[in-house]
Amino acid sequence: EVYDMFGINFEGHPDLRRIFLDKDF
């Protein structure tokens, strides 16, 4: 959610992709 809304990268996250918005947003 933080990645999706703020664009912060979480190093080592197993599945870092958008959760609310479309992948092409």
PDBML (XML) file of the C-alpha atoms, coordinates in Angstrom:
<?xml version="1.0" encoding="UTF-8" ?>
<PDBx:datablock datablockName="MODEL"
   xmlns:PDBx="http://pdbml.pdb.org/schema/pdbx-v50.xsd"
   xmlns:xsi="http://www.w3.org/2001/XMLSchema-instance"
   xsi:schemaLocation="http://pdbml.pdb.org/schema/pdbx-v50.xsd pdbx-v50.xsd">
   <PDBx:atom_siteCategory>
      <PDBx:atom_site id="1">
         <PDBx:B_iso_or_equiv>0.00</PDBx:B_iso_or_equiv>
         <PDBx:Cartn_x>0.000</PDBx:Cartn_x>
         <PDBx:Cartn_y>0.000</PDBx:Cartn_y>
         <PDBx:Cartn_z>0.000</PDBx:Cartn_z>
         <PDBx:auth_asym_id>A</PDBx:auth_asym_id>
         <PDBx:auth_atom_id>CA</PDBx:auth_atom_id>
         <PDBx:auth_comp_id>GLU</PDBx:auth_comp_id>
         <PDBx:auth_seq_id>1</PDBx:auth_seq_id>
         <PDBx:group_PDB>ATOM</PDBx:group_PDB>
         <PDBx:label_alt_id xsi:nil="true" />
         <PDBx:label_asym_id>A</PDBx:label_asym_id>
         <PDBx:label_atom_id>CA</PDBx:label_atom_id>
         <PDBx:label_comp_id>GLU</PDBx:label_comp_id>
         <PDBx:label_entity_id>1</PDBx:label_entity_id>
         <PDBx:label_seq_id>1</PDBx:label_seq_id>
         <PDBx:occupancy>1.00</PDBx:occupancy>
         <PDBx:pdbx_PDB_model_num>1</PDBx:pdbx_PDB_model_num>
         <PDBx:type_symbol>C</PDBx:type_symbol>
      </PDBx:atom_site>
      <PDBx:atom_site id="2">
         <PDBx:B_iso_or_equiv>0.00</PDBx:B_iso_or_equiv>
         <PDBx:Cartn_x>2.841</PDBx:Cartn_x>
         <PDBx:Cartn_y>2.439</PDBx:Cartn_y>
         <PDBx:Cartn_z>0.867</PDBx:Cartn_z>
         <PDBx:auth_asym_id>A</PDBx:auth_asym_id>
         <PDBx:auth_atom_id>CA</PDBx:auth_atom_id>
         <PDBx:auth_comp_id>VAL</PDBx:auth_comp_id>
         <PDBx:auth_seq_id>2</PDBx:auth_seq_id>
         <PDBx:group_PDB>ATOM</PDBx:group_PDB>
         <PDBx:label_alt_id xsi:nil="true" />
         <PDBx:label_asym_id>A</PDBx:label_asym_id>
         <PDBx:label_atom_id>CA</PDBx:label_atom_id>
         <PDBx:label_comp_id>VAL</PDBx:label_comp_id>
         <PDBx:label_entity_id>1</PDBx:label_entity_id>
         <PDBx:label_seq_id>2</PDBx:label_seq_id>
         <PDBx:occupancy>1.00</PDBx:occupancy>
         <PDBx:pdbx_PDB_model_num>1</PDBx:pdbx_PDB_model_num>
         <PDBx:type_symbol>C</PDBx:type_symbol>
      </PDBx:atom_site>
      <PDBx:atom_site id="3">
         <PDBx:B_iso_or_equiv>0.00</PDBx:B_iso_or_equiv>
         <PDBx:Cartn_x>4.588</PDBx:Cartn_x>
         <PDBx:Cartn_y>1.507</PDBx:Cartn_y>
         <PDBx:Cartn_z>-2.382</PDBx:Cartn_z>
         <PDBx:auth_asym_id>A</PDBx:auth_asym_id>
         <PDBx:auth_atom_id>CA</PDBx:auth_atom_id>
         <PDBx:auth_comp_id>TYR</PDBx:auth_comp_id>
         <PDBx:auth_seq_id>3</PDBx:auth_seq_id>
         <PDBx:group_PDB>ATOM</PDBx:group_PDB>
         <PDBx:label_alt_id xsi:nil="true" />
         <PDBx:label_asym_id>A</PDBx:label_asym_id>
         <PDBx:label_atom_id>CA</PDBx:label_atom_id>
         <PDBx:label_comp_id>TYR</PDBx:label_comp_id>
         <PDBx:label_entity_id>1</PDBx:label_entity_id>
         <PDBx:label_seq_id>3</PDBx:label_seq_id>
         <PDBx:occupancy>1.00</PDBx:occupancy>
         <PDBx:pdbx_PDB_model_num>1</PDBx:pdbx_PDB_model_num>
         <PDBx:type_symbol>C</PDBx:type_symbol>
      </PDBx:atom_site>
      <PDBx:atom_site id="4">
         <PDBx:B_iso_or_equiv>0.00</PDBx:B_iso_or_equiv>
         <PDBx:Cartn_x>1.372</PDBx:Cartn_x>
         <PDBx:Cartn_y>2.060</PDBx:Cartn_y>
         <PDBx:Cartn_z>-4.340</PDBx:Cartn_z>
         <PDBx:auth_asym_id>A</PDBx:auth_asym_id>
         <PDBx:auth_atom_id>CA</PDBx:auth_atom_id>
         <PDBx:auth_comp_id>ASP</PDBx:auth_comp_id>
         <PDBx:auth_seq_id>4</PDBx:auth_seq_id>
         <PDBx:group_PDB>ATOM</PDBx:group_PDB>
         <PDBx:label_alt_id xsi:nil="true" />
         <PDBx:label_asym_id>A</PDBx:label_asym_id>
         <PDBx:label_atom_id>CA</PDBx:label_atom_id>
         <PDBx:label_comp_id>ASP</PDBx:label_comp_id>
         <PDBx:label_entity_id>1</PDBx:label_entity_id>
         <PDBx:label_seq_id>4</PDBx:label_seq_id>
         <PDBx:occupancy>1.00</PDBx:occupancy>
         <PDBx:pdbx_PDB_model_num>1</PDBx:pdbx_PDB_model_num>
         <PDBx:type_symbol>C</PDBx:type_symbol>
      </PDBx:atom_site>
      <PDBx:atom_site id="5">
         <PDBx:B_iso_or_equiv>0.00</PDBx:B_iso_or_equiv>
         <PDBx:Cartn_x>0.569</PDBx:Cartn_x>
         <PDBx:Cartn_y>5.447</PDBx:Cartn_y>
         <PDBx:Cartn_z>-2.785</PDBx:Cartn_z>
         <PDBx:auth_asym_id>A</PDBx:auth_asym_id>
         <PDBx:auth_atom_id>CA</PDBx:auth_atom_id>
         <PDBx:auth_comp_id>MET</PDBx:auth_comp_id>
         <PDBx:auth_seq_id>5</PDBx:auth_seq_id>
         <PDBx:group_PDB>ATOM</PDBx:group_PDB>
         <PDBx:label_alt_id xsi:nil="true" />
         <PDBx:label_asym_id>A</PDBx:label_asym_id>
         <PDBx:label_atom_id>CA</PDBx:label_atom_id>
         <PDBx:label_comp_id>MET</PDBx:label_comp_id>
         <PDBx:label_entity_id>1</PDBx:label_entity_id>
         <PDBx:label_seq_id>5</PDBx:label_seq_id>
         <PDBx:occupancy>1.00</PDBx:occupancy>
         <PDBx:pdbx_PDB_model_num>1</PDBx:pdbx_PDB_model_num>
         <PDBx:type_symbol>C</PDBx:type_symbol>
      </PDBx:atom_site>
      <PDBx:atom_site id="6">
         <PDBx:B_iso_or_equiv>0.00</PDBx:B_iso_or_equiv>
         <PDBx:Cartn_x>4.034</PDBx:Cartn_x>
         <PDBx:Cartn_y>6.951</PDBx:Cartn_y>
         <PDBx:Cartn_z>-2.127</PDBx:Cartn_z>
         <PDBx:auth_asym_id>A</PDBx:auth_asym_id>
         <PDBx:auth_atom_id>CA</PDBx:auth_atom_id>
         <PDBx:auth_comp_id>PHE</PDBx:auth_comp_id>
         <PDBx:auth_seq_id>6</PDBx:auth_seq_id>
         <PDBx:group_PDB>ATOM</PDBx:group_PDB>
         <PDBx:label_alt_id xsi:nil="true" />
         <PDBx:label_asym_id>A</PDBx:label_asym_id>
         <PDBx:label_atom_id>CA</PDBx:label_atom_id>
         <PDBx:label_comp_id>PHE</PDBx:label_comp_id>
         <PDBx:label_entity_id>1</PDBx:label_entity_id>
         <PDBx:label_seq_id>6</PDBx:label_seq_id>
         <PDBx:occupancy>1.00</PDBx:occupancy>
         <PDBx:pdbx_PDB_model_num>1</PDBx:pdbx_PDB_model_num>
         <PDBx:type_symbol>C</PDBx:type_symbol>
      </PDBx:atom_site>
      <PDBx:atom_site id="7">
         <PDBx:B_iso_or_equiv>0.00</PDBx:B_iso_or_equiv>
         <PDBx:Cartn_x>6.432</PDBx:Cartn_x>
         <PDBx:Cartn_y>5.197</PDBx:Cartn_y>
         <PDBx:Cartn_z>-4.483</PDBx:Cartn_z>
         <PDBx:auth_asym_id>A</PDBx:auth_asym_id>
         <PDBx:auth_atom_id>CA</PDBx:auth_atom_id>
         <PDBx:auth_comp_id>GLY</PDBx:auth_comp_id>
         <PDBx:auth_seq_id>7</PDBx:auth_seq_id>
         <PDBx:group_PDB>ATOM</PDBx:group_PDB>
         <PDBx:label_alt_id xsi:nil="true" />
         <PDBx:label_asym_id>A</PDBx:label_asym_id>
         <PDBx:label_atom_id>CA</PDBx:label_atom_id>
         <PDBx:label_comp_id>GLY</PDBx:label_comp_id>
         <PDBx:label_entity_id>1</PDBx:label_entity_id>
         <PDBx:label_seq_id>7</PDBx:label_seq_id>
         <PDBx:occupancy>1.00</PDBx:occupancy>
         <PDBx:pdbx_PDB_model_num>1</PDBx:pdbx_PDB_model_num>
         <PDBx:type_symbol>C</PDBx:type_symbol>
      </PDBx:atom_site>
      <PDBx:atom_site id="8">
         <PDBx:B_iso_or_equiv>0.00</PDBx:B_iso_or_equiv>
         <PDBx:Cartn_x>8.748</PDBx:Cartn_x>
         <PDBx:Cartn_y>3.903</PDBx:Cartn_y>
         <PDBx:Cartn_z>-1.742</PDBx:Cartn_z>
         <PDBx:auth_asym_id>A</PDBx:auth_asym_id>
         <PDBx:auth_atom_id>CA</PDBx:auth_atom_id>
         <PDBx:auth_comp_id>ILE</PDBx:auth_comp_id>
         <PDBx:auth_seq_id>8</PDBx:auth_seq_id>
         <PDBx:group_PDB>ATOM</PDBx:group_PDB>
         <PDBx:label_alt_id xsi:nil="true" />
         <PDBx:label_asym_id>A</PDBx:label_asym_id>
         <PDBx:label_atom_id>CA</PDBx:label_atom_id>
         <PDBx:label_comp_id>ILE</PDBx:label_comp_id>
         <PDBx:label_entity_id>1</PDBx:label_entity_id>
         <PDBx:label_seq_id>8</PDBx:label_seq_id>
         <PDBx:occupancy>1.00</PDBx:occupancy>
         <PDBx:pdbx_PDB_model_num>1</PDBx:pdbx_PDB_model_num>
         <PDBx:type_symbol>C</PDBx:type_symbol>
      </PDBx:atom_site>
      <PDBx:atom_site id="9">
         <PDBx:B_iso_or_equiv>0.00</PDBx:B_iso_or_equiv>
         <PDBx:Cartn_x>10.709</PDBx:Cartn_x>
         <PDBx:Cartn_y>0.787</PDBx:Cartn_y>
         <PDBx:Cartn_z>-2.651</PDBx:Cartn_z>
         <PDBx:auth_asym_id>A</PDBx:auth_asym_id>
         <PDBx:auth_atom_id>CA</PDBx:auth_atom_id>
         <PDBx:auth_comp_id>ASN</PDBx:auth_comp_id>
         <PDBx:auth_seq_id>9</PDBx:auth_seq_id>
         <PDBx:group_PDB>ATOM</PDBx:group_PDB>
         <PDBx:label_alt_id xsi:nil="true" />
         <PDBx:label_asym_id>A</PDBx:label_asym_id>
         <PDBx:label_atom_id>CA</PDBx:label_atom_id>
         <PDBx:label_comp_id>ASN</PDBx:label_comp_id>
         <PDBx:label_entity_id>1</PDBx:label_entity_id>
         <PDBx:label_seq_id>9</PDBx:label_seq_id>
         <PDBx:occupancy>1.00</PDBx:occupancy>
         <PDBx:pdbx_PDB_model_num>1</PDBx:pdbx_PDB_model_num>
         <PDBx:type_symbol>C</PDBx:type_symbol>
      </PDBx:atom_site>
      <PDBx:atom_site id="10">
         <PDBx:B_iso_or_equiv>0.00</PDBx:B_iso_or_equiv>
         <PDBx:Cartn_x>10.813</PDBx:Cartn_x>
         <PDBx:Cartn_y>-2.010</PDBx:Cartn_y>
         <PDBx:Cartn_z>-0.042</PDBx:Cartn_z>
         <PDBx:auth_asym_id>A</PDBx:auth_asym_id>
         <PDBx:auth_atom_id>CA</PDBx:auth_atom_id>
         <PDBx:auth_comp_id>PHE</PDBx:auth_comp_id>
         <PDBx:auth_seq_id>10</PDBx:auth_seq_id>
         <PDBx:group_PDB>ATOM</PDBx:group_PDB>
         <PDBx:label_alt_id xsi:nil="true" />
         <PDBx:label_asym_id>A</PDBx:label_asym_id>
         <PDBx:label_atom_id>CA</PDBx:label_atom_id>
         <PDBx:label_comp_id>PHE</PDBx:label_comp_id>
         <PDBx:label_entity_id>1</PDBx:label_entity_id>
         <PDBx:label_seq_id>10</PDBx:label_seq_id>
         <PDBx:occupancy>1.00</PDBx:occupancy>
         <PDBx:pdbx_PDB_model_num>1</PDBx:pdbx_PDB_model_num>
         <PDBx:type_symbol>C</PDBx:type_symbol>
      </PDBx:atom_site>
      <PDBx:atom_site id="11">
         <PDBx:B_iso_or_equiv>0.00</PDBx:B_iso_or_equiv>
         <PDBx:Cartn_x>14.007</PDBx:Cartn_x>
         <PDBx:Cartn_y>-3.957</PDBx:Cartn_y>
         <PDBx:Cartn_z>-0.588</PDBx:Cartn_z>
         <PDBx:auth_asym_id>A</PDBx:auth_asym_id>
         <PDBx:auth_atom_id>CA</PDBx:auth_atom_id>
         <PDBx:auth_comp_id>GLU</PDBx:auth_comp_id>
         <PDBx:auth_seq_id>11</PDBx:auth_seq_id>
         <PDBx:group_PDB>ATOM</PDBx:group_PDB>
         <PDBx:label_alt_id xsi:nil="true" />
         <PDBx:label_asym_id>A</PDBx:label_asym_id>
         <PDBx:label_atom_id>CA</PDBx:label_atom_id>
         <PDBx:label_comp_id>GLU</PDBx:label_comp_id>
         <PDBx:label_entity_id>1</PDBx:label_entity_id>
         <PDBx:label_seq_id>11</PDBx:label_seq_id>
         <PDBx:occupancy>1.00</PDBx:occupancy>
         <PDBx:pdbx_PDB_model_num>1</PDBx:pdbx_PDB_model_num>
         <PDBx:type_symbol>C</PDBx:type_symbol>
      </PDBx:atom_site>
      <PDBx:atom_site id="12">
         <PDBx:B_iso_or_equiv>0.00</PDBx:B_iso_or_equiv>
         <PDBx:Cartn_x>13.535</PDBx:Cartn_x>
         <PDBx:Cartn_y>-7.719</PDBx:Cartn_y>
         <PDBx:Cartn_z>-0.235</PDBx:Cartn_z>
         <PDBx:auth_asym_id>A</PDBx:auth_asym_id>
         <PDBx:auth_atom_id>CA</PDBx:auth_atom_id>
         <PDBx:auth_comp_id>GLY</PDBx:auth_comp_id>
         <PDBx:auth_seq_id>12</PDBx:auth_seq_id>
         <PDBx:group_PDB>ATOM</PDBx:group_PDB>
         <PDBx:label_alt_id xsi:nil="true" />
         <PDBx:label_asym_id>A</PDBx:label_asym_id>
         <PDBx:label_atom_id>CA</PDBx:label_atom_id>
         <PDBx:label_comp_id>GLY</PDBx:label_comp_id>
         <PDBx:label_entity_id>1</PDBx:label_entity_id>
         <PDBx:label_seq_id>12</PDBx:label_seq_id>
         <PDBx:occupancy>1.00</PDBx:occupancy>
         <PDBx:pdbx_PDB_model_num>1</PDBx:pdbx_PDB_model_num>
         <PDBx:type_symbol>C</PDBx:type_symbol>
      </PDBx:atom_site>
      <PDBx:atom_site id="13">
         <PDBx:B_iso_or_equiv>0.00</PDBx:B_iso_or_equiv>
         <PDBx:Cartn_x>9.718</PDBx:Cartn_x>
         <PDBx:Cartn_y>-7.602</PDBx:Cartn_y>
         <PDBx:Cartn_z>-0.483</PDBx:Cartn_z>
         <PDBx:auth_asym_id>A</PDBx:auth_asym_id>
         <PDBx:auth_atom_id>CA</PDBx:auth_atom_id>
         <PDBx:auth_comp_id>HIS</PDBx:auth_comp_id>
         <PDBx:auth_seq_id>13</PDBx:auth_seq_id>
         <PDBx:group_PDB>ATOM</PDBx:group_PDB>
         <PDBx:label_alt_id xsi:nil="true" />
         <PDBx:label_asym_id>A</PDBx:label_asym_id>
         <PDBx:label_atom_id>CA</PDBx:label_atom_id>
         <PDBx:label_comp_id>HIS</PDBx:label_comp_id>
         <PDBx:label_entity_id>1</PDBx:label_entity_id>
         <PDBx:label_seq_id>13</PDBx:label_seq_id>
         <PDBx:occupancy>1.00</PDBx:occupancy>
         <PDBx:pdbx_PDB_model_num>1</PDBx:pdbx_PDB_model_num>
         <PDBx:type_symbol>C</PDBx:type_symbol>
      </PDBx:atom_site>
      <PDBx:atom_site id="14">
         <PDBx:B_iso_or_equiv>0.00</PDBx:B_iso_or_equiv>
         <PDBx:Cartn_x>8.436</PDBx:Cartn_x>
         <PDBx:Cartn_y>-10.901</PDBx:Cartn_y>
         <PDBx:Cartn_z>-1.958</PDBx:Cartn_z>
         <PDBx:auth_asym_id>A</PDBx:auth_asym_id>
         <PDBx:auth_atom_id>CA</PDBx:auth_atom_id>
         <PDBx:auth_comp_id>PRO</PDBx:auth_comp_id>
         <PDBx:auth_seq_id>14</PDBx:auth_seq_id>
         <PDBx:group_PDB>ATOM</PDBx:group_PDB>
         <PDBx:label_alt_id xsi:nil="true" />
         <PDBx:label_asym_id>A</PDBx:label_asym_id>
         <PDBx:label_atom_id>CA</PDBx:label_atom_id>
         <PDBx:label_comp_id>PRO</PDBx:label_comp_id>
         <PDBx:label_entity_id>1</PDBx:label_entity_id>
         <PDBx:label_seq_id>14</PDBx:label_seq_id>
         <PDBx:occupancy>1.00</PDBx:occupancy>
         <PDBx:pdbx_PDB_model_num>1</PDBx:pdbx_PDB_model_num>
         <PDBx:type_symbol>C</PDBx:type_symbol>
      </PDBx:atom_site>
      <PDBx:atom_site id="15">
         <PDBx:B_iso_or_equiv>0.00</PDBx:B_iso_or_equiv>
         <PDBx:Cartn_x>5.656</PDBx:Cartn_x>
         <PDBx:Cartn_y>-9.389</PDBx:Cartn_y>
         <PDBx:Cartn_z>-4.083</PDBx:Cartn_z>
         <PDBx:auth_asym_id>A</PDBx:auth_asym_id>
         <PDBx:auth_atom_id>CA</PDBx:auth_atom_id>
         <PDBx:auth_comp_id>ASP</PDBx:auth_comp_id>
         <PDBx:auth_seq_id>15</PDBx:auth_seq_id>
         <PDBx:group_PDB>ATOM</PDBx:group_PDB>
         <PDBx:label_alt_id xsi:nil="true" />
         <PDBx:label_asym_id>A</PDBx:label_asym_id>
         <PDBx:label_atom_id>CA</PDBx:label_atom_id>
         <PDBx:label_comp_id>ASP</PDBx:label_comp_id>
         <PDBx:label_entity_id>1</PDBx:label_entity_id>
         <PDBx:label_seq_id>15</PDBx:label_seq_id>
         <PDBx:occupancy>1.00</PDBx:occupancy>
         <PDBx:pdbx_PDB_model_num>1</PDBx:pdbx_PDB_model_num>
         <PDBx:type_symbol>C</PDBx:type_symbol>
      </PDBx:atom_site>
      <PDBx:atom_site id="16">
         <PDBx:B_iso_or_equiv>0.00</PDBx:B_iso_or_equiv>
         <PDBx:Cartn_x>6.064</PDBx:Cartn_x>
         <PDBx:Cartn_y>-5.633</PDBx:Cartn_y>
         <PDBx:Cartn_z>-4.516</PDBx:Cartn_z>
         <PDBx:auth_asym_id>A</PDBx:auth_asym_id>
         <PDBx:auth_atom_id>CA</PDBx:auth_atom_id>
         <PDBx:auth_comp_id>LEU</PDBx:auth_comp_id>
         <PDBx:auth_seq_id>16</PDBx:auth_seq_id>
         <PDBx:group_PDB>ATOM</PDBx:group_PDB>
         <PDBx:label_alt_id xsi:nil="true" />
         <PDBx:label_asym_id>A</PDBx:label_asym_id>
         <PDBx:label_atom_id>CA</PDBx:label_atom_id>
         <PDBx:label_comp_id>LEU</PDBx:label_comp_id>
         <PDBx:label_entity_id>1</PDBx:label_entity_id>
         <PDBx:label_seq_id>16</PDBx:label_seq_id>
         <PDBx:occupancy>1.00</PDBx:occupancy>
         <PDBx:pdbx_PDB_model_num>1</PDBx:pdbx_PDB_model_num>
         <PDBx:type_symbol>C</PDBx:type_symbol>
      </PDBx:atom_site>
      <PDBx:atom_site id="17">
         <PDBx:B_iso_or_equiv>0.00</PDBx:B_iso_or_equiv>
         <PDBx:Cartn_x>3.320</PDBx:Cartn_x>
         <PDBx:Cartn_y>-4.539</PDBx:Cartn_y>
         <PDBx:Cartn_z>-6.919</PDBx:Cartn_z>
         <PDBx:auth_asym_id>A</PDBx:auth_asym_id>
         <PDBx:auth_atom_id>CA</PDBx:auth_atom_id>
         <PDBx:auth_comp_id>ARG</PDBx:auth_comp_id>
         <PDBx:auth_seq_id>17</PDBx:auth_seq_id>
         <PDBx:group_PDB>ATOM</PDBx:group_PDB>
         <PDBx:label_alt_id xsi:nil="true" />
         <PDBx:label_asym_id>A</PDBx:label_asym_id>
         <PDBx:label_atom_id>CA</PDBx:label_atom_id>
         <PDBx:label_comp_id>ARG</PDBx:label_comp_id>
         <PDBx:label_entity_id>1</PDBx:label_entity_id>
         <PDBx:label_seq_id>17</PDBx:label_seq_id>
         <PDBx:occupancy>1.00</PDBx:occupancy>
         <PDBx:pdbx_PDB_model_num>1</PDBx:pdbx_PDB_model_num>
         <PDBx:type_symbol>C</PDBx:type_symbol>
      </PDBx:atom_site>
      <PDBx:atom_site id="18">
         <PDBx:B_iso_or_equiv>0.00</PDBx:B_iso_or_equiv>
         <PDBx:Cartn_x>0.361</PDBx:Cartn_x>
         <PDBx:Cartn_y>-2.178</PDBx:Cartn_y>
         <PDBx:Cartn_z>-6.851</PDBx:Cartn_z>
         <PDBx:auth_asym_id>A</PDBx:auth_asym_id>
         <PDBx:auth_atom_id>CA</PDBx:auth_atom_id>
         <PDBx:auth_comp_id>ARG</PDBx:auth_comp_id>
         <PDBx:auth_seq_id>18</PDBx:auth_seq_id>
         <PDBx:group_PDB>ATOM</PDBx:group_PDB>
         <PDBx:label_alt_id xsi:nil="true" />
         <PDBx:label_asym_id>A</PDBx:label_asym_id>
         <PDBx:label_atom_id>CA</PDBx:label_atom_id>
         <PDBx:label_comp_id>ARG</PDBx:label_comp_id>
         <PDBx:label_entity_id>1</PDBx:label_entity_id>
         <PDBx:label_seq_id>18</PDBx:label_seq_id>
         <PDBx:occupancy>1.00</PDBx:occupancy>
         <PDBx:pdbx_PDB_model_num>1</PDBx:pdbx_PDB_model_num>
         <PDBx:type_symbol>C</PDBx:type_symbol>
      </PDBx:atom_site>
      <PDBx:atom_site id="19">
         <PDBx:B_iso_or_equiv>0.00</PDBx:B_iso_or_equiv>
         <PDBx:Cartn_x>-2.491</PDBx:Cartn_x>
         <PDBx:Cartn_y>-3.161</PDBx:Cartn_y>
         <PDBx:Cartn_z>-4.575</PDBx:Cartn_z>
         <PDBx:auth_asym_id>A</PDBx:auth_asym_id>
         <PDBx:auth_atom_id>CA</PDBx:auth_atom_id>
         <PDBx:auth_comp_id>ILE</PDBx:auth_comp_id>
         <PDBx:auth_seq_id>19</PDBx:auth_seq_id>
         <PDBx:group_PDB>ATOM</PDBx:group_PDB>
         <PDBx:label_alt_id xsi:nil="true" />
         <PDBx:label_asym_id>A</PDBx:label_asym_id>
         <PDBx:label_atom_id>CA</PDBx:label_atom_id>
         <PDBx:label_comp_id>ILE</PDBx:label_comp_id>
         <PDBx:label_entity_id>1</PDBx:label_entity_id>
         <PDBx:label_seq_id>19</PDBx:label_seq_id>
         <PDBx:occupancy>1.00</PDBx:occupancy>
         <PDBx:pdbx_PDB_model_num>1</PDBx:pdbx_PDB_model_num>
         <PDBx:type_symbol>C</PDBx:type_symbol>
      </PDBx:atom_site>
      <PDBx:atom_site id="20">
         <PDBx:B_iso_or_equiv>0.00</PDBx:B_iso_or_equiv>
         <PDBx:Cartn_x>-5.151</PDBx:Cartn_x>
         <PDBx:Cartn_y>-0.467</PDBx:Cartn_y>
         <PDBx:Cartn_z>-5.128</PDBx:Cartn_z>
         <PDBx:auth_asym_id>A</PDBx:auth_asym_id>
         <PDBx:auth_atom_id>CA</PDBx:auth_atom_id>
         <PDBx:auth_comp_id>PHE</PDBx:auth_comp_id>
         <PDBx:auth_seq_id>20</PDBx:auth_seq_id>
         <PDBx:group_PDB>ATOM</PDBx:group_PDB>
         <PDBx:label_alt_id xsi:nil="true" />
         <PDBx:label_asym_id>A</PDBx:label_asym_id>
         <PDBx:label_atom_id>CA</PDBx:label_atom_id>
         <PDBx:label_comp_id>PHE</PDBx:label_comp_id>
         <PDBx:label_entity_id>1</PDBx:label_entity_id>
         <PDBx:label_seq_id>20</PDBx:label_seq_id>
         <PDBx:occupancy>1.00</PDBx:occupancy>
         <PDBx:pdbx_PDB_model_num>1</PDBx:pdbx_PDB_model_num>
         <PDBx:type_symbol>C</PDBx:type_symbol>
      </PDBx:atom_site>
      <PDBx:atom_site id="21">
         <PDBx:B_iso_or_equiv>0.00</PDBx:B_iso_or_equiv>
         <PDBx:Cartn_x>-4.337</PDBx:Cartn_x>
         <PDBx:Cartn_y>1.041</PDBx:Cartn_y>
         <PDBx:Cartn_z>-8.494</PDBx:Cartn_z>
         <PDBx:auth_asym_id>A</PDBx:auth_asym_id>
         <PDBx:auth_atom_id>CA</PDBx:auth_atom_id>
         <PDBx:auth_comp_id>LEU</PDBx:auth_comp_id>
         <PDBx:auth_seq_id>21</PDBx:auth_seq_id>
         <PDBx:group_PDB>ATOM</PDBx:group_PDB>
         <PDBx:label_alt_id xsi:nil="true" />
         <PDBx:label_asym_id>A</PDBx:label_asym_id>
         <PDBx:label_atom_id>CA</PDBx:label_atom_id>
         <PDBx:label_comp_id>LEU</PDBx:label_comp_id>
         <PDBx:label_entity_id>1</PDBx:label_entity_id>
         <PDBx:label_seq_id>21</PDBx:label_seq_id>
         <PDBx:occupancy>1.00</PDBx:occupancy>
         <PDBx:pdbx_PDB_model_num>1</PDBx:pdbx_PDB_model_num>
         <PDBx:type_symbol>C</PDBx:type_symbol>
      </PDBx:atom_site>
      <PDBx:atom_site id="22">
         <PDBx:B_iso_or_equiv>0.00</PDBx:B_iso_or_equiv>
         <PDBx:Cartn_x>-4.016</PDBx:Cartn_x>
         <PDBx:Cartn_y>-0.546</PDBx:Cartn_y>
         <PDBx:Cartn_z>-11.913</PDBx:Cartn_z>
         <PDBx:auth_asym_id>A</PDBx:auth_asym_id>
         <PDBx:auth_atom_id>CA</PDBx:auth_atom_id>
         <PDBx:auth_comp_id>ASP</PDBx:auth_comp_id>
         <PDBx:auth_seq_id>22</PDBx:auth_seq_id>
         <PDBx:group_PDB>ATOM</PDBx:group_PDB>
         <PDBx:label_alt_id xsi:nil="true" />
         <PDBx:label_asym_id>A</PDBx:label_asym_id>
         <PDBx:label_atom_id>CA</PDBx:label_atom_id>
         <PDBx:label_comp_id>ASP</PDBx:label_comp_id>
         <PDBx:label_entity_id>1</PDBx:label_entity_id>
         <PDBx:label_seq_id>22</PDBx:label_seq_id>
         <PDBx:occupancy>1.00</PDBx:occupancy>
         <PDBx:pdbx_PDB_model_num>1</PDBx:pdbx_PDB_model_num>
         <PDBx:type_symbol>C</PDBx:type_symbol>
      </PDBx:atom_site>
      <PDBx:atom_site id="23">
         <PDBx:B_iso_or_equiv>0.00</PDBx:B_iso_or_equiv>
         <PDBx:Cartn_x>-0.564</PDBx:Cartn_x>
         <PDBx:Cartn_y>-1.842</PDBx:Cartn_y>
         <PDBx:Cartn_z>-12.798</PDBx:Cartn_z>
         <PDBx:auth_asym_id>A</PDBx:auth_asym_id>
         <PDBx:auth_atom_id>CA</PDBx:auth_atom_id>
         <PDBx:auth_comp_id>LYS</PDBx:auth_comp_id>
         <PDBx:auth_seq_id>23</PDBx:auth_seq_id>
         <PDBx:group_PDB>ATOM</PDBx:group_PDB>
         <PDBx:label_alt_id xsi:nil="true" />
         <PDBx:label_asym_id>A</PDBx:label_asym_id>
         <PDBx:label_atom_id>CA</PDBx:label_atom_id>
         <PDBx:label_comp_id>LYS</PDBx:label_comp_id>
         <PDBx:label_entity_id>1</PDBx:label_entity_id>
         <PDBx:label_seq_id>23</PDBx:label_seq_id>
         <PDBx:occupancy>1.00</PDBx:occupancy>
         <PDBx:pdbx_PDB_model_num>1</PDBx:pdbx_PDB_model_num>
         <PDBx:type_symbol>C</PDBx:type_symbol>
      </PDBx:atom_site>
      <PDBx:atom_site id="24">
         <PDBx:B_iso_or_equiv>0.00</PDBx:B_iso_or_equiv>
         <PDBx:Cartn_x>-0.361</PDBx:Cartn_x>
         <PDBx:Cartn_y>0.694</PDBx:Cartn_y>
         <PDBx:Cartn_z>-15.650</PDBx:Cartn_z>
         <PDBx:auth_asym_id>A</PDBx:auth_asym_id>
         <PDBx:auth_atom_id>CA</PDBx:auth_atom_id>
         <PDBx:auth_comp_id>ASP</PDBx:auth_comp_id>
         <PDBx:auth_seq_id>24</PDBx:auth_seq_id>
         <PDBx:group_PDB>ATOM</PDBx:group_PDB>
         <PDBx:label_alt_id xsi:nil="true" />
         <PDBx:label_asym_id>A</PDBx:label_asym_id>
         <PDBx:label_atom_id>CA</PDBx:label_atom_id>
         <PDBx:label_comp_id>ASP</PDBx:label_comp_id>
         <PDBx:label_entity_id>1</PDBx:label_entity_id>
         <PDBx:label_seq_id>24</PDBx:label_seq_id>
         <PDBx:occupancy>1.00</PDBx:occupancy>
         <PDBx:pdbx_PDB_model_num>1</PDBx:pdbx_PDB_model_num>
         <PDBx:type_symbol>C</PDBx:type_symbol>
      </PDBx:atom_site>
      <PDBx:atom_site id="25">
         <PDBx:B_iso_or_equiv>0.00</PDBx:B_iso_or_equiv>
         <PDBx:Cartn_x>-1.244</PDBx:Cartn_x>
         <PDBx:Cartn_y>3.674</PDBx:Cartn_y>
         <PDBx:Cartn_z>-13.424</PDBx:Cartn_z>
         <PDBx:auth_asym_id>A</PDBx:auth_asym_id>
         <PDBx:auth_atom_id>CA</PDBx:auth_atom_id>
         <PDBx:auth_comp_id>PHE</PDBx:auth_comp_id>
         <PDBx:auth_seq_id>25</PDBx:auth_seq_id>
         <PDBx:group_PDB>ATOM</PDBx:group_PDB>
         <PDBx:label_alt_id xsi:nil="true" />
         <PDBx:label_asym_id>A</PDBx:label_asym_id>
         <PDBx:label_atom_id>CA</PDBx:label_atom_id>
         <PDBx:label_comp_id>PHE</PDBx:label_comp_id>
         <PDBx:label_entity_id>1</PDBx:label_entity_id>
         <PDBx:label_seq_id>25</PDBx:label_seq_id>
         <PDBx:occupancy>1.00</PDBx:occupancy>
         <PDBx:pdbx_PDB_model_num>1</PDBx:pdbx_PDB_model_num>
         <PDBx:type_symbol>C</PDBx:type_symbol>
      </PDBx:atom_site>
   </PDBx:atom_siteCategory>
</PDBx:datablock>
